[in-house]
Protein backbone atom coordinates (compact mmCIF):
# COMPACT_ATOMS: atom_id res chain seq x y z
CA MET A 1 2.52 19.95 -9.96
CA THR A 2 -0.08 17.51 -8.72
CA LEU A 3 0.06 14.05 -7.76
CA ASP A 4 -2.74 11.65 -8.87
CA ILE A 5 -3.76 10.38 -5.81
CA GLU A 6 -5.91 7.60 -7.30
CA LYS A 7 -2.83 5.97 -8.84
CA PHE A 8 -0.50 6.97 -6.19
CA LYS A 9 -2.58 5.00 -3.29
CA TYR A 10 -1.69 1.65 -4.81
CA TYR A 11 2.08 2.15 -4.12
CA LEU A 12 1.19 1.84 -0.46
CA ARG A 13 0.39 -1.77 -0.67
CA TRP A 14 2.61 -3.97 1.24
CA TYR A 15 2.81 -7.78 1.64
CA PRO A 16 5.41 -8.65 4.43
CA PHE A 17 5.26 -12.28 3.99
CA LEU A 18 6.80 -11.77 0.49
CA TYR A 19 8.93 -9.18 1.07
CA GLY A 20 9.76 -8.88 4.78
CA ALA A 21 10.27 -5.88 6.79
CA ASP A 22 13.43 -4.77 5.22
CA CYS A 23 11.74 -4.75 1.61
CA ALA A 24 12.64 -2.32 -0.96
CA GLN A 25 11.12 0.89 -0.40
CA TRP A 26 9.06 3.27 -2.77
CA TRP A 27 10.23 7.21 -2.54
CA PHE A 28 8.64 10.21 -3.71
CA ASP A 29 10.73 12.90 -5.14
CA PRO A 30 8.71 16.43 -4.37
CA GLN A 31 10.78 18.36 -6.63
CA THR A 32 9.79 16.21 -9.78
CA TYR A 33 6.57 14.67 -8.29
CA THR A 34 8.00 11.06 -9.40
CA ILE A 35 7.97 7.63 -7.52
CA ILE A 36 11.07 5.95 -7.43
CA HIS A 37 11.62 2.54 -6.29
CA ASP A 38 14.90 1.75 -4.19
CA ASP A 39 16.67 0.24 -7.20
CA GLU A 40 16.35 3.49 -8.95
CA ARG A 41 16.94 5.73 -6.45
CA ASP A 42 20.73 6.24 -6.73
CA SER A 43 20.36 6.63 -10.52
CA HIS A 44 17.56 9.19 -10.23
CA ILE A 45 19.72 11.28 -7.51
CA GLU A 46 22.67 11.03 -10.00
CA LYS A 47 20.49 12.43 -12.97
CA PHE A 48 19.26 15.23 -11.17
CA HIS A 49 22.85 15.94 -9.28
CA THR A 50 22.47 19.59 -9.57
CA ARG A 51 19.55 19.88 -7.24
CA ILE A 52 19.44 18.81 -3.55
CA ARG A 53 17.42 15.68 -3.28
CA ILE A 54 15.28 15.26 -0.43
CA MET A 55 13.35 11.90 -1.00
CA ILE A 56 10.25 10.99 1.20
CA PRO A 57 9.35 7.41 1.87
CA ILE A 58 6.03 6.33 1.10
CA PRO A 59 4.28 4.39 3.60
CA LYS A 60 3.85 0.84 3.52
CA VAL A 61 0.11 -0.48 4.23
CA ASP A 62 0.13 -4.38 5.49
CA ILE A 63 -2.37 -5.81 3.24
CA PRO A 64 -2.73 -9.22 5.25
CA MET A 65 -3.70 -7.02 8.36
CA LEU A 66 -6.22 -4.82 6.26
CA GLU A 67 -7.73 -7.89 5.09
CA GLU A 68 -8.30 -8.75 8.67
CA LYS A 69 -9.62 -5.55 9.58
CA TYR A 70 -12.22 -5.88 6.71
CA LEU A 71 -13.29 -9.43 8.21
CA LYS A 72 -13.80 -7.85 11.52
CA SER A 73 -15.47 -4.83 10.07
CA THR A 74 -18.11 -6.99 8.64
CA GLY A 75 -18.55 -9.39 11.45
CA GLN A 76 -16.63 -12.21 10.21
CA GLU A 77 -13.81 -13.08 12.83
CA ASP A 78 -14.20 -16.62 12.83
CA VAL A 79 -13.08 -16.77 9.06
CA ILE A 80 -9.73 -15.11 10.18
CA ARG A 81 -9.15 -18.21 12.44
CA GLN A 82 -10.07 -20.57 9.54
CA LEU A 83 -8.15 -18.87 7.01
CA HIS A 84 -5.01 -18.84 9.35
CA ALA A 85 -5.68 -22.47 10.01
CA VAL A 86 -5.30 -23.36 6.47
CA THR A 87 -2.01 -21.16 6.12
CA ASP A 88 -0.28 -18.52 8.09
CA SER A 89 2.21 -17.85 5.22
CA ASP A 90 -0.28 -17.12 2.58
CA PHE A 91 -3.32 -15.70 4.31
CA ASP A 92 -3.59 -13.13 1.53
CA ALA A 93 -4.33 -15.83 -1.26
CA GLU A 94 -6.56 -17.50 1.12
CA PHE A 95 -8.31 -14.25 1.57
CA LYS A 96 -8.73 -13.49 -1.91
CA LYS A 97 -10.35 -16.83 -2.60
CA TYR A 98 -12.88 -16.60 0.27
CA VAL A 99 -13.90 -13.12 -0.69
CA ASP A 100 -14.04 -14.06 -4.37
CA HIS A 101 -16.22 -17.25 -3.46
CA SER A 102 -18.53 -15.56 -0.96
CA CYS A 103 -19.13 -12.82 -3.53
CA GLN A 104 -17.56 -9.88 -1.56
CA LEU A 105 -14.75 -8.96 -3.85
CA THR A 106 -16.31 -5.79 -4.87
CA GLU A 107 -16.90 -4.90 -1.29
CA TRP A 108 -13.37 -5.83 -0.45
CA TYR A 109 -11.83 -3.78 -3.01
CA LYS A 110 -14.04 -0.55 -2.12
CA PHE A 111 -12.78 -1.15 1.25
CA GLU A 112 -9.16 -1.38 0.60
CA ALA A 113 -9.46 1.51 -1.90
CA ALA A 114 -10.90 3.83 0.62
CA HIS A 115 -8.59 2.77 3.14
CA LEU A 116 -5.42 3.26 0.82
CA LEU A 117 -7.00 6.80 -0.18
CA SER A 118 -7.31 7.97 3.62
CA ILE A 119 -3.72 7.14 4.17
CA ALA A 120 -2.44 8.58 0.96
CA LYS A 121 -4.17 12.10 1.76
CA THR A 122 -3.06 11.87 4.93
CA TRP A 123 0.64 11.44 3.86
CA CYS A 124 0.14 14.02 1.19
CA GLN A 125 -1.17 16.50 3.66
CA ASP A 126 1.59 15.80 6.19
CA ASN A 127 4.22 16.29 3.61
CA ASP A 128 3.09 19.35 1.65
CA VAL A 129 2.47 17.26 -1.52
CA GLU A 130 -0.44 18.64 -3.76
CA TYR A 131 -2.65 16.21 -5.24
CA LYS A 132 -6.04 15.73 -7.27
């Protein structure tokens, strides 16, 4: 079995202002190569009760922090302060408006995808998960 890394990488997205630090977790079942949400974990274990279930937590990437990293990497530190001045509680929404209006949306999504892919590949290698 192999994991589709291009689809998997998006399970790493995490928005702490929406979900908090104790938000539900995504899990990976290495025996079935399935991704399971916290809400489904118990029923998944019961369904395959004859096997020993070892679930691996999927890492969380703080997307607002990654958005700040993007702005810093493109020399736009002043924009971070401006967006936080508008709202600290929904930096993500203000960031998305900003990159859209400044014609950086494509660059942002490429940056995000590359970052998520790098973390996903490292996680797969660290957990002996085959991917394509």
